[in-house]
Protein backbone atom coordinates (compact mmCIF):
# COMPACT_ATOMS: atom_id res chain seq x y z
CA MET A 1 132.75 -2.28 -110.67
CA ALA A 2 131.36 0.54 -108.62
CA ALA A 3 129.77 0.67 -105.17
CA LEU A 4 128.11 -2.36 -103.63
CA GLY A 5 124.93 -3.10 -105.57
CA ASN A 6 125.93 -1.17 -108.70
CA ILE A 7 127.72 -3.05 -111.46
CA SER A 8 129.19 -1.25 -114.43
CA THR A 9 131.19 -2.46 -117.38
CA GLY A 10 132.72 -0.21 -119.99
CA GLY A 11 131.04 2.80 -118.38
CA ARG A 12 127.57 1.27 -118.74
CA HIS A 13 125.42 0.44 -115.73
CA LEU A 14 124.08 -3.10 -115.71
CA HIS A 15 120.65 -3.32 -114.13
CA HIS A 16 119.83 -6.52 -112.33
CA TYR A 17 117.08 -7.40 -114.81
CA ASN A 18 119.96 -8.23 -117.18
CA PHE A 19 121.09 -10.93 -114.76
CA GLY A 20 117.48 -12.10 -114.44
CA ILE A 21 117.19 -12.50 -118.21
CA ALA A 22 120.49 -14.40 -118.31
CA THR A 23 119.32 -16.65 -115.47
CA LEU A 24 116.03 -17.41 -117.24
CA ALA A 25 117.94 -18.15 -120.45
CA ALA A 26 120.14 -20.62 -118.56
CA VAL A 27 117.11 -22.28 -116.96
CA GLY A 28 115.48 -22.49 -120.40
CA LEU A 29 118.59 -24.18 -121.75
CA ILE A 30 118.43 -26.72 -118.92
CA ALA A 31 114.72 -27.30 -119.64
CA VAL A 32 115.38 -27.88 -123.34
CA ARG A 33 118.69 -29.75 -123.25
CA GLY A 34 119.06 -30.91 -119.64
CA HIS A 35 118.81 -34.41 -118.29
CA GLY A 36 115.62 -35.51 -116.55
CA GLN A 37 117.18 -35.20 -113.09
CA ALA A 38 118.35 -31.63 -113.79
CA VAL A 39 115.01 -30.47 -115.18
CA GLY A 40 113.06 -31.26 -112.02
CA HIS A 41 115.79 -30.31 -109.56
CA PRO A 42 114.84 -27.78 -106.83
CA ALA A 43 117.93 -25.69 -107.65
CA VAL A 44 116.57 -25.13 -111.16
CA ALA A 45 113.24 -23.99 -109.69
CA ALA A 46 115.07 -21.66 -107.29
CA ALA A 47 117.15 -20.22 -110.14
CA TYR A 48 113.99 -19.65 -112.18
CA SER A 49 112.36 -17.88 -109.24
CA ALA A 50 115.42 -15.73 -108.62
CA GLY A 51 115.65 -14.75 -112.29
CA THR A 52 111.97 -13.84 -112.36
CA ALA A 53 112.36 -11.76 -109.19
CA LEU A 54 115.32 -9.88 -110.66
CA ILE A 55 113.28 -8.99 -113.74
CA THR A 56 110.13 -8.14 -111.82
CA ASP A 57 111.98 -5.87 -109.43
CA GLU A 58 112.86 -3.52 -112.29
CA PHE A 59 109.73 -3.98 -114.36
CA ALA A 60 109.07 -0.23 -114.38
CA LEU A 61 112.46 0.31 -115.99
CA LEU A 62 111.61 -2.23 -118.68
CA LEU A 63 108.26 -0.56 -119.41
CA ASP A 64 109.33 3.09 -119.36
CA LEU A 65 112.97 2.61 -120.31
CA ARG A 66 113.74 5.02 -117.47
CA ASP A 67 114.85 4.33 -113.95
CA VAL A 68 111.66 5.36 -112.11
CA TYR A 69 111.96 2.74 -109.41
CA TRP A 70 111.62 5.24 -106.55
CA ALA A 71 109.03 7.43 -108.29
CA GLU A 72 105.25 6.90 -108.12
CA GLN A 73 105.21 5.21 -111.54
CA GLY A 74 107.82 2.74 -110.33
CA ARG A 75 105.82 1.89 -107.23
CA LEU A 76 102.69 1.27 -109.31
CA SER A 77 104.67 -0.97 -111.62
CA VAL A 78 106.08 -2.98 -108.72
CA ASP A 79 102.59 -3.33 -107.21
CA VAL A 80 101.16 -4.58 -110.51
CA CYS A 81 104.03 -7.06 -110.92
CA LEU A 82 103.59 -8.39 -107.40
CA GLY A 83 99.86 -8.77 -108.02
CA ILE A 84 100.43 -10.70 -111.24
CA LEU A 85 103.08 -12.90 -109.65
CA SER A 86 100.80 -13.53 -106.67
CA VAL A 87 97.96 -14.69 -108.89
CA LEU A 88 100.27 -16.87 -110.98
CA GLY A 89 101.94 -18.24 -107.87
CA THR A 90 98.58 -19.11 -106.34
CA TYR A 91 97.52 -20.86 -109.53
CA LEU A 92 100.74 -22.83 -109.86
CA THR A 93 100.87 -23.69 -106.17
CA ALA A 94 97.32 -25.04 -106.21
CA ARG A 95 98.22 -27.14 -109.26
CA PRO A 96 96.00 -27.62 -112.27
CA PRO A 97 94.21 -30.75 -110.88
CA PHE A 98 92.80 -28.51 -108.14
CA TRP A 99 91.38 -26.08 -110.69
CA HIS A 100 90.12 -28.96 -112.82
CA GLU A 101 88.25 -30.33 -109.81
CA ILE A 102 86.79 -26.87 -109.06
CA ALA A 103 85.60 -26.60 -112.69
CA THR A 104 84.09 -30.11 -112.59
CA VAL A 105 82.20 -29.50 -109.33
CA THR A 106 80.98 -26.09 -110.56
CA ARG A 107 79.82 -27.56 -113.87
CA HIS A 108 77.98 -30.34 -112.03
CA HIS A 109 76.37 -27.84 -109.65
CA VAL A 110 75.25 -25.54 -112.48
CA SER A 111 73.83 -28.40 -114.56
CA SER A 112 71.97 -29.98 -111.62
CA THR A 113 70.52 -26.58 -110.65
CA ALA A 114 69.41 -26.01 -114.23
CA LYS A 115 67.78 -29.46 -114.38
CA ARG A 116 65.88 -28.83 -111.15
CA ARG A 117 64.54 -25.56 -112.51
CA LEU A 118 63.46 -27.19 -115.77
CA THR A 119 61.69 -30.10 -114.06
CA PRO A 120 58.00 -29.29 -113.43
CA ALA A 121 56.84 -29.34 -109.82
CA PRO A 122 54.45 -32.26 -108.91
């Protein structure tokens, strides 16, 4: 091991996305083979979130296969990742029934507006 925050083994630097991938693999194993109580446990959700954050943090490195975290390309990559995670987080937080209700109300509004326009005025 090297300085705080840098982990090396056999002379190779381990980036923290490696730990994120391992964490997501463990959570996937729990989801596939775990008991019902373990699958819905908040600790599993927290582990999934932590693993995703570890991967997202070094997304530029995964795309470019270079450590450009502090360069402009790295900043753009982090911004894009945060944007994607924000949209997905908003969707998942609002839960699908919310979006289903929005779609139902919108469909009803569009169809009633179309019917009014097609009905001749008296």
